[in-house]
Amino acid sequence: MNLSPKTLFVFIAVIAVAVAAGYYAGSQQLAQNKDSGTGTETVVTEQAPTPPAHPPISGTMHDSMQAGGASLAPAHPAGAPGSTGLPPQSGQAHLDSAVDQDAKFTHFRVGERNVKQILADGDTMWVGTSGGVIRYNIKTDDYKLYDTRSGLLANGVFHLSKLDGQMVVGTYGGGMSILDESTQQWKTYNIPQGLGDAFVYDVLKADNGDIWIATWSGANRIRQGKLDDRDSWDLYTVENTNGGLPNDWVYGLAMGKNGEIWMATEGGLARFRDGEWDNWNHEQGQGADYALVKDQIQFTNDPANYSKHHTRQKSEMGLEQINVAYNPNYIVALLVDDDGSVWAGTWGGGLAHFNGTAWENFTVSDGLPANHVFSLHRDSAGRILVGTSNGLAVRDNEGNFKVFNTADGLYSNIVFSMATADDGSSWIGSYGGVARIAKLQ
């Protein structure tokens, strides 16, 4: 069987996490809070499956969607005459009312899907899943699902942001789509328009008007944001930057205090400043040494056993002797702090902090719940939220970590995405659902 590199990567990641099923079995049991008024639990009889880090993406998953105790099932039961087996595209999320603002937590179930992105937009929460984008109105309790039936080219969503007031969606294989909410029409930019790859992980508009797009085949820059001018599109790769971009698989973008562009790649951290490139990886201090974390690694199956890409990368990074899921060069999440320093979530090497000169690494030994960091977010209180493979860590302004898990209201201990609503509540995305935590303290 001949598989594309990206299909292989998905397959590899599923295997890598699946071997840890025994470890996650306990942590995936959803919290059952029996105290009156403390929480709204939407799933009380099912245990969430072990979530792969990068699951196969399907636009035809035949599971229902639930939120707040109500089942958002297809209009026709699967198998019935007229059945499509697909979730409805609009409706109400709860049986009785919208989110209980006084509840300690509320769970929103999205079926067998990852919640890779959440965007807070006034009274609206946008939820990006591996089955489309959900627009949920907190006040009215209405939701609308955008998927391939609505005009997206792929249902897998890895990025959500606003670009000049319009919703931008980065998809898993369907390029970048922009929604005109006044017409409910999508405009898609893909390889023919200049996109480096149909797999889009991040989108950023810089202060100078340039738009940057992170893809699995390099980083696009659209000068002055002229998306419809093909001549304004640049693509930066390892090859045409002479290694300035350390890896073509780009996962995150962030703008620095002085307009520089930081990039999270599978081969380290890159910086584009005034037309020049710099990069850093484990050799310069990014990510904890294997000797310090080898007993803390949760995923014991090595992706390099299944992928030529990962085998080559291990060789390039000098990791040939390591046979578990550990690559401190691989940055999964990126955040630029208010002081201009950079936080990088690594694959097994913990949370890395770069002040422009030196690196400092934080691991389980320093209070993190796990060393695989999937997401980073700064909340309205200025705290850094660290989403890991085994819970959420909140780093306060004194540098201390406090860990939250399902017992505290998380839907799952695997945290892929985070956002802070206008009311200060935290929205945490995992495999299978979203948790709204009224006060994360």
Protein backbone atom coordinates (compact mmCIF):
# COMPACT_ATOMS: atom_id res chain seq x y z
CA MET A 1 0.00 0.00 0.00
CA ASN A 2 1.47 3.38 -1.06
CA LEU A 3 0.64 6.25 1.30
CA SER A 4 1.41 9.94 0.95
CA PRO A 5 3.82 11.45 3.50
CA LYS A 6 1.00 13.21 5.30
CA THR A 7 -1.13 10.08 5.46
CA LEU A 8 1.86 8.23 6.85
CA PHE A 9 2.32 10.95 9.46
CA VAL A 10 -1.28 10.62 10.61
CA PHE A 11 -0.93 6.84 10.78
CA ILE A 12 2.30 7.14 12.74
CA ALA A 13 0.86 9.54 15.27
CA VAL A 14 -2.13 7.30 15.86
CA ILE A 15 0.15 4.34 16.55
CA ALA A 16 2.44 6.39 18.77
CA VAL A 17 -0.40 7.43 21.03
CA ALA A 18 -2.38 4.20 20.84
CA VAL A 19 0.37 2.28 22.61
CA ALA A 20 -0.21 4.56 25.58
CA ALA A 21 -3.86 3.49 25.82
CA GLY A 22 -3.32 1.74 29.12
CA TYR A 23 -1.88 4.88 30.64
CA TYR A 24 -4.70 7.08 29.44
CA ALA A 25 -7.53 4.70 30.31
CA GLY A 26 -7.72 6.03 33.84
CA SER A 27 -7.22 9.68 33.01
CA GLN A 28 -9.91 9.66 30.33
CA GLN A 29 -12.73 8.89 32.77
CA LEU A 30 -14.80 12.08 32.85
CA ALA A 31 -15.32 13.81 36.18
CA GLN A 32 -18.65 13.02 37.81
CA ASN A 33 -19.34 16.04 40.02
CA LYS A 34 -22.41 15.27 42.13
CA ASP A 35 -22.53 18.54 44.06
CA SER A 36 -25.56 20.64 43.17
CA GLY A 37 -24.69 23.70 41.11
CA THR A 38 -21.00 22.88 40.64
CA GLY A 39 -21.00 21.50 37.13
CA THR A 40 -22.94 20.47 34.07
CA GLU A 41 -21.79 17.00 33.02
CA THR A 42 -22.93 16.01 29.56
CA VAL A 43 -21.53 12.48 29.40
CA VAL A 44 -22.18 10.28 32.39
CA THR A 45 -22.09 6.76 30.98
CA GLU A 46 -19.31 6.80 28.41
CA GLN A 47 -15.55 6.90 28.75
CA ALA A 48 -13.87 8.94 26.05
CA PRO A 49 -11.62 6.93 23.70
CA THR A 50 -7.86 7.36 23.76
CA PRO A 51 -7.26 10.44 21.60
CA PRO A 52 -4.55 10.25 18.93
CA ALA A 53 -2.40 13.36 18.61
CA HIS A 54 -3.23 13.74 14.91
CA PRO A 55 -6.28 11.55 14.10
CA PRO A 56 -7.41 10.53 10.64
CA ILE A 57 -9.68 13.25 9.34
CA SER A 58 -13.09 12.25 8.03
CA GLY A 59 -15.96 14.37 6.82
CA THR A 60 -18.46 11.55 7.17
CA MET A 61 -18.21 10.50 10.81
CA HIS A 62 -21.50 8.90 11.81
CA ASP A 63 -21.57 9.99 15.42
CA SER A 64 -23.94 12.42 17.04
CA MET A 65 -22.96 15.67 18.70
CA GLN A 66 -23.97 16.53 22.22
CA ALA A 67 -23.68 19.64 24.33
CA GLY A 68 -25.01 20.53 27.73
CA GLY A 69 -26.92 17.24 27.98
CA ALA A 70 -28.77 17.58 24.69
CA SER A 71 -28.16 15.23 21.80
CA LEU A 72 -27.63 17.02 18.51
CA ALA A 73 -28.40 13.91 16.51
CA PRO A 74 -28.93 13.75 12.74
CA ALA A 75 -32.44 14.65 11.58
CA HIS A 76 -32.87 11.06 10.43
CA PRO A 77 -31.37 8.21 12.47
CA ALA A 78 -28.43 6.55 10.73
CA GLY A 79 -29.77 3.88 8.40
CA ALA A 80 -33.26 5.31 8.22
CA PRO A 81 -34.79 6.43 4.92
CA GLY A 82 -33.34 9.80 4.01
CA SER A 83 -30.50 9.41 6.49
CA THR A 84 -27.17 11.03 5.76
CA GLY A 85 -25.50 9.88 8.98
CA LEU A 86 -24.16 13.43 9.40
CA PRO A 87 -24.73 15.83 12.30
CA PRO A 88 -27.21 18.68 11.81
CA GLN A 89 -25.83 22.00 10.62
CA SER A 90 -27.68 24.18 13.14
CA GLY A 91 -29.75 23.99 16.29
CA GLN A 92 -29.76 24.54 20.04
CA ALA A 93 -26.98 23.14 22.18
CA HIS A 94 -28.94 22.61 25.42
CA LEU A 95 -32.29 21.16 26.32
CA ASP A 96 -33.20 23.91 28.75
CA SER A 97 -31.01 26.97 28.65
CA ALA A 98 -27.68 28.41 27.63
CA VAL A 99 -24.51 28.08 29.66
CA ASP A 100 -25.11 28.31 33.40
CA GLN A 101 -22.78 31.16 34.30
CA ASP A 102 -22.72 30.00 37.93
CA ALA A 103 -21.72 26.42 37.16
CA LYS A 104 -18.16 25.47 38.01
CA PHE A 105 -17.84 23.84 34.62
CA THR A 106 -19.91 22.95 31.57
CA HIS A 107 -19.09 20.28 29.03
CA PHE A 108 -19.88 20.41 25.32
CA ARG A 109 -19.57 17.12 23.49
CA VAL A 110 -18.55 17.08 19.80
CA GLY A 111 -18.40 13.35 19.14
CA GLU A 112 -15.32 11.44 18.05
CA ARG A 113 -13.44 14.55 16.99
CA ASN A 114 -10.47 16.55 18.20
CA VAL A 115 -11.02 20.17 19.14
CA LYS A 116 -7.86 21.69 17.70
CA GLN A 117 -8.78 25.38 17.93
CA ILE A 118 -11.10 27.65 19.90
CA LEU A 119 -11.59 31.35 19.19
CA ALA A 120 -13.44 33.74 21.49
CA ASP A 121 -15.30 36.43 19.53
CA GLY A 122 -17.58 38.45 21.80
CA ASP A 123 -20.72 36.43 22.48
CA THR A 124 -19.57 33.83 19.96
CA MET A 125 -17.24 30.90 20.51
CA TRP A 126 -15.78 29.37 17.36
CA VAL A 127 -14.78 25.73 17.82
CA GLY A 128 -12.55 24.09 15.22
CA THR A 129 -12.82 20.31 15.14
CA SER A 130 -11.77 17.44 12.93
CA GLY A 131 -15.37 17.49 11.70
CA GLY A 132 -15.80 21.16 10.83
CA VAL A 133 -16.20 24.54 12.54
CA ILE A 134 -18.91 25.19 15.12
CA ARG A 135 -20.12 28.74 15.77
CA TYR A 136 -21.77 28.83 19.19
CA ASN A 137 -23.61 31.85 20.62
CA ILE A 138 -23.22 31.91 24.39
CA LYS A 139 -26.24 34.17 24.92
CA THR A 140 -28.80 32.51 22.63
CA ASP A 141 -27.50 28.93 22.83
CA ASP A 142 -27.68 28.66 19.03
CA TYR A 143 -25.01 26.82 17.10
CA LYS A 144 -24.15 26.46 13.44
CA LEU A 145 -21.83 23.85 11.96
CA TYR A 146 -19.72 24.70 8.93
CA ASP A 147 -18.28 21.74 7.06
CA THR A 148 -17.90 20.51 3.49
CA ARG A 149 -21.66 20.86 3.06
CA SER A 150 -21.25 24.58 3.75
CA GLY A 151 -18.40 25.18 1.33
CA LEU A 152 -15.22 24.12 3.14
CA LEU A 153 -12.97 21.84 1.10
CA ALA A 154 -12.01 19.74 4.13
CA ASN A 155 -13.58 19.15 7.53
CA GLY A 156 -10.36 18.91 9.52
CA VAL A 157 -9.69 22.29 11.14
CA PHE A 158 -6.39 23.27 12.73
CA HIS A 159 -6.60 27.06 12.76
CA LEU A 160 -9.16 29.79 13.49
CA SER A 161 -8.59 33.53 13.51
CA LYS A 162 -10.09 36.82 12.36
CA LEU A 163 -8.57 38.60 9.36
CA ASP A 164 -9.92 42.09 8.78
CA GLY A 165 -13.10 41.07 10.56
CA GLN A 166 -13.63 37.84 8.62
CA MET A 167 -13.26 34.30 9.92
CA VAL A 168 -10.18 32.44 8.66
CA VAL A 169 -10.04 28.66 8.77
CA GLY A 170 -6.91 26.64 8.18
CA THR A 171 -7.82 23.11 7.17
CA TYR A 172 -6.29 19.70 7.02
CA GLY A 173 -5.99 19.19 3.29
CA GLY A 174 -8.42 21.84 2.04
CA GLY A 175 -6.27 24.96 2.16
CA MET A 176 -7.23 28.25 3.83
CA SER A 177 -10.84 29.42 3.70
CA ILE A 178 -12.28 32.83 4.59
CA LEU A 179 -15.94 33.25 5.52
CA ASP A 180 -17.98 36.26 4.48
CA GLU A 181 -20.61 36.12 7.21
CA SER A 182 -22.90 38.56 5.40
CA THR A 183 -23.29 36.11 2.49
CA GLN A 184 -22.31 32.89 4.31
CA GLN A 185 -19.92 32.18 1.44
CA TRP A 186 -16.41 30.79 1.70
CA LYS A 187 -13.46 31.88 -0.39
CA THR A 188 -10.66 29.34 -0.47
CA TYR A 189 -6.96 29.83 -1.17
CA ASN A 190 -5.11 26.69 -2.11
CA ILE A 191 -2.05 25.58 -4.06
CA PRO A 192 -3.20 27.13 -7.37
CA GLN A 193 -3.46 30.53 -5.64
CA GLY A 194 0.08 30.24 -4.24
CA LEU A 195 -0.37 28.28 -1.02
CA GLY A 196 2.62 26.08 -0.27
CA ASP A 197 0.50 23.18 0.90
CA ALA A 198 -3.18 22.33 1.39
CA PHE A 199 -2.47 21.57 5.07
CA VAL A 200 -2.65 24.89 6.95
CA TYR A 201 -1.68 25.13 10.62
CA ASP A 202 -1.57 28.84 11.37
CA VAL A 203 -2.31 32.26 9.85
CA LEU A 204 -0.96 35.61 11.03
CA LYS A 205 -1.31 39.19 9.85
CA ALA A 206 1.76 41.24 10.73
CA ASP A 207 1.71 44.90 11.68
CA ASN A 208 3.16 45.81 8.28
CA GLY A 209 0.18 44.19 6.53
CA ASP A 210 1.94 41.02 5.40
CA ILE A 211 -0.02 37.80 5.88
CA TRP A 212 1.89 34.68 6.91
CA ILE A 213 0.59 31.12 6.53
CA ALA A 214 2.15 28.06 8.16
CA THR A 215 1.91 24.90 6.04
CA TRP A 216 3.42 21.45 5.87
CA SER A 217 5.54 22.55 2.90
CA GLY A 218 7.00 25.80 4.18
CA ALA A 219 5.79 29.25 5.19
CA ASN A 220 3.92 31.56 2.86
CA ARG A 221 4.21 35.34 3.02
CA ILE A 222 1.64 37.41 1.12
CA ARG A 223 3.18 40.86 0.85
CA GLN A 224 0.85 43.67 1.99
CA GLY A 225 -1.89 41.07 2.41
CA LYS A 226 -2.75 41.00 -1.29
CA LEU A 227 -4.25 37.53 -1.27
CA ASP A 228 -5.74 37.84 -4.74
CA ASP A 229 -2.48 38.95 -6.34
CA ARG A 230 -0.50 35.81 -7.20
CA ASP A 231 2.68 37.87 -7.63
CA SER A 232 2.50 38.92 -3.97
CA TRP A 233 2.83 35.35 -2.70
CA ASP A 234 6.21 34.11 -1.46
CA LEU A 235 7.00 30.63 -0.18
CA TYR A 236 9.92 30.04 2.18
CA THR A 237 11.36 26.54 2.47
CA VAL A 238 14.48 24.89 3.84
CA GLU A 239 15.89 24.87 0.33
CA ASN A 240 15.34 28.46 -0.75
CA THR A 241 16.37 29.89 2.65
CA ASN A 242 19.56 27.79 2.71
CA GLY A 243 18.43 26.20 5.96
CA GLY A 244 17.30 29.45 7.56
CA LEU A 245 13.92 27.80 7.92
CA PRO A 246 15.05 24.61 9.68
CA ASN A 247 12.16 22.41 8.62
CA ASP A 248 9.38 22.68 6.02
CA TRP A 249 6.73 21.45 8.45
CA VAL A 250 5.64 24.73 10.05
CA TYR A 251 3.16 24.50 12.92
CA GLY A 252 2.95 27.96 14.45
CA LEU A 253 3.46 31.67 13.84
CA ALA A 254 3.84 34.60 16.21
CA MET A 255 4.92 38.21 15.83
CA GLY A 256 7.61 39.64 18.09
CA LYS A 257 7.71 43.03 19.77
CA ASN A 258 9.70 44.56 16.91
CA GLY A 259 7.75 43.05 14.04
CA GLU A 260 9.88 39.94 13.61
CA ILE A 261 8.07 36.70 12.74
CA TRP A 262 8.68 33.62 14.88
CA MET A 263 7.94 30.17 13.46
CA ALA A 264 7.45 26.83 15.18
CA THR A 265 8.71 23.98 13.04
CA GLU A 266 9.40 20.30 13.41
CA GLY A 267 13.09 21.12 13.37
CA GLY A 268 13.25 24.02 15.82
CA LEU A 269 12.44 27.68 16.25
CA ALA A 270 12.92 30.11 13.35
CA ARG A 271 12.94 33.90 13.21
CA PHE A 272 12.47 36.10 10.15
CA ARG A 273 13.65 39.65 10.77
CA ASP A 274 14.45 42.34 8.23
CA GLY A 275 14.74 39.73 5.50
CA GLU A 276 17.21 37.60 7.48
CA TRP A 277 16.75 34.16 9.01
CA ASP A 278 17.92 32.71 12.33
CA ASN A 279 17.02 29.42 13.96
CA TRP A 280 17.55 27.42 17.13
CA ASN A 281 17.01 23.81 18.17
CA HIS A 282 17.97 21.37 20.91
CA GLU A 283 21.64 21.80 20.17
CA GLN A 284 21.33 25.41 21.33
CA GLY A 285 19.28 24.46 24.39
CA GLN A 286 15.67 24.11 23.20
CA GLY A 287 13.91 21.29 25.07
CA ALA A 288 15.09 19.19 27.99
CA ASP A 289 17.80 16.56 27.48
CA TYR A 290 16.61 13.00 27.06
CA ALA A 291 18.45 11.87 30.18
CA LEU A 292 16.30 14.22 32.24
CA VAL A 293 12.93 13.13 30.85
CA LYS A 294 13.35 9.54 29.66
CA ASP A 295 11.46 8.18 32.67
CA GLN A 296 8.64 10.70 32.09
CA ILE A 297 7.91 9.92 28.42
CA GLN A 298 4.37 8.59 28.04
CA PHE A 299 4.50 7.51 24.38
CA THR A 300 6.89 4.60 24.01
CA ASN A 301 6.42 3.76 20.33
CA ASP A 302 8.91 5.55 18.07
CA PRO A 303 7.39 7.25 14.99
CA ALA A 304 10.72 6.82 13.18
CA ASN A 305 9.97 3.10 12.93
CA TYR A 306 7.15 3.89 10.49
CA SER A 307 8.14 7.02 8.58
CA LYS A 308 11.12 7.86 6.40
CA HIS A 309 10.53 11.51 7.25
CA HIS A 310 10.93 10.90 10.98
CA THR A 311 13.81 8.50 10.45
CA ARG A 312 15.67 11.14 8.45
CA GLN A 313 14.86 13.81 10.98
CA LYS A 314 16.16 11.71 13.87
CA SER A 315 19.39 11.26 11.96
CA GLU A 316 19.64 14.99 11.25
CA MET A 317 19.06 15.80 14.91
CA GLY A 318 21.32 13.08 16.34
CA LEU A 319 18.49 11.13 17.99
CA GLU A 320 19.18 7.72 16.41
CA GLN A 321 19.67 6.01 19.78
CA ILE A 322 16.29 7.08 21.16
CA ASN A 323 13.38 4.74 20.46
CA VAL A 324 10.43 6.58 22.07
CA ALA A 325 8.33 9.59 21.07
CA TYR A 326 10.87 12.25 22.03
CA ASN A 327 12.03 15.08 19.82
CA PRO A 328 12.87 18.33 21.62
CA ASN A 329 13.40 20.03 18.24
CA TYR A 330 9.74 19.58 17.33
CA ILE A 331 7.72 22.63 18.46
CA VAL A 332 4.00 21.93 18.70
CA ALA A 333 2.89 25.25 20.24
CA LEU A 334 4.26 28.80 20.21
CA LEU A 335 3.64 31.96 22.24
CA VAL A 336 5.44 35.31 22.36
CA ASP A 337 5.35 36.85 25.84
CA ASP A 338 4.73 40.50 26.61
CA ASP A 339 8.45 41.05 27.14
CA GLY A 340 9.24 39.65 23.69
CA SER A 341 10.56 36.31 24.91
CA VAL A 342 9.30 33.11 23.30
CA TRP A 343 7.59 30.06 24.80
CA ALA A 344 7.76 26.81 22.83
CA GLY A 345 5.86 23.61 23.57
CA THR A 346 7.93 20.61 22.50
CA TRP A 347 7.28 16.97 21.71
CA GLY A 348 8.56 15.28 24.87
CA GLY A 349 11.12 17.94 25.82
CA GLY A 350 8.73 19.98 27.95
CA LEU A 351 8.08 23.71 27.84
CA ALA A 352 10.99 25.77 26.53
CA HIS A 353 11.51 29.50 27.13
CA PHE A 354 13.86 31.61 25.00
CA ASN A 355 14.83 35.12 26.06
CA GLY A 356 16.67 35.88 22.84
CA THR A 357 19.98 34.63 24.17
CA ALA A 358 19.48 31.54 26.32
CA TRP A 359 16.94 28.77 26.83
CA GLU A 360 15.26 27.58 30.02
CA ASN A 361 13.27 24.34 30.02
CA PHE A 362 10.42 23.27 32.26
CA THR A 363 9.39 19.62 32.65
CA VAL A 364 7.38 17.32 34.91
CA SER A 365 10.11 17.82 37.49
CA ASP A 366 9.22 21.53 37.56
CA GLY A 367 5.48 20.99 37.95
CA LEU A 368 4.18 20.26 34.44
CA PRO A 369 1.74 17.34 34.22
CA ALA A 370 3.51 16.02 31.08
CA ASN A 371 6.37 16.87 28.74
CA HIS A 372 4.37 16.73 25.50
CA VAL A 373 3.00 20.28 25.18
CA PHE A 374 0.20 20.65 22.63
CA SER A 375 -1.03 24.22 23.19
CA LEU A 376 -0.14 27.55 24.80
CA HIS A 377 -2.44 30.44 25.67
CA ARG A 378 -2.25 33.66 27.68
CA ASP A 379 -5.48 34.38 29.54
CA SER A 380 -7.03 37.70 30.52
CA ALA A 381 -5.22 37.59 33.88
CA GLY A 382 -1.86 37.43 32.12
CA ARG A 383 -1.20 33.83 33.10
CA ILE A 384 0.25 31.30 30.65
CA LEU A 385 -1.88 28.19 30.15
CA VAL A 386 0.02 25.08 29.09
CA GLY A 387 -2.02 22.30 27.48
CA THR A 388 -0.29 18.92 27.71
CA SER A 389 -0.94 15.25 27.08
CA ASN A 390 -1.85 14.76 30.75
CA GLY A 391 -3.62 17.89 31.92
CA LEU A 392 -3.53 21.68 31.94
CA ALA A 393 -0.88 23.68 33.80
CA VAL A 394 -1.41 27.34 34.67
CA ARG A 395 1.75 29.36 35.20
CA ASP A 396 1.13 32.36 37.41
CA ASN A 397 3.05 35.63 37.36
CA GLU A 398 5.44 34.29 40.00
CA GLY A 399 6.40 31.36 37.78
CA ASN A 400 4.54 28.65 39.68
CA PHE A 401 2.54 25.91 37.93
CA LYS A 402 -0.87 24.69 39.07
CA VAL A 403 -2.26 21.59 37.38
CA PHE A 404 -5.89 21.00 36.40
CA ASN A 405 -7.39 17.73 35.12
CA THR A 406 -10.75 16.02 34.71
CA ALA A 407 -11.36 16.15 38.45
CA ASP A 408 -11.32 19.95 38.12
CA GLY A 409 -13.75 19.96 35.21
CA LEU A 410 -11.66 19.31 32.09
CA TYR A 411 -13.43 17.19 29.50
CA SER A 412 -10.24 15.20 28.97
CA ASN A 413 -6.68 15.38 30.22
CA ILE A 414 -5.39 15.79 26.67
CA VAL A 415 -5.54 19.54 26.00
CA PHE A 416 -5.29 20.64 22.37
CA SER A 417 -6.74 24.17 22.44
CA MET A 418 -7.68 27.02 24.77
CA ALA A 419 -9.44 30.38 24.72
CA THR A 420 -10.68 32.97 27.22
CA ALA A 421 -14.19 34.38 26.83
CA ASP A 422 -15.14 37.97 27.59
CA ASP A 423 -16.60 36.90 30.94
CA GLY A 424 -13.21 35.47 31.99
CA SER A 425 -14.22 31.84 31.66
CA SER A 426 -11.72 29.39 30.16
CA TRP A 427 -12.70 27.17 27.23
CA ILE A 428 -10.54 24.07 26.95
CA GLY A 429 -10.63 21.79 23.88
CA SER A 430 -9.79 18.11 23.94
CA TYR A 431 -10.64 14.92 22.11
CA GLY A 432 -14.43 14.58 22.11
CA GLY A 433 -15.42 17.86 23.67
CA VAL A 434 -14.91 21.28 25.19
CA ALA A 435 -14.96 22.28 28.83
CA ARG A 436 -16.01 25.74 29.96
CA ILE A 437 -14.39 26.41 33.32
CA ALA A 438 -16.05 29.37 35.02
CA LYS A 439 -13.01 30.26 37.14
CA LEU A 440 -9.69 28.57 36.54
CA GLN A 441 -8.13 29.10 39.95
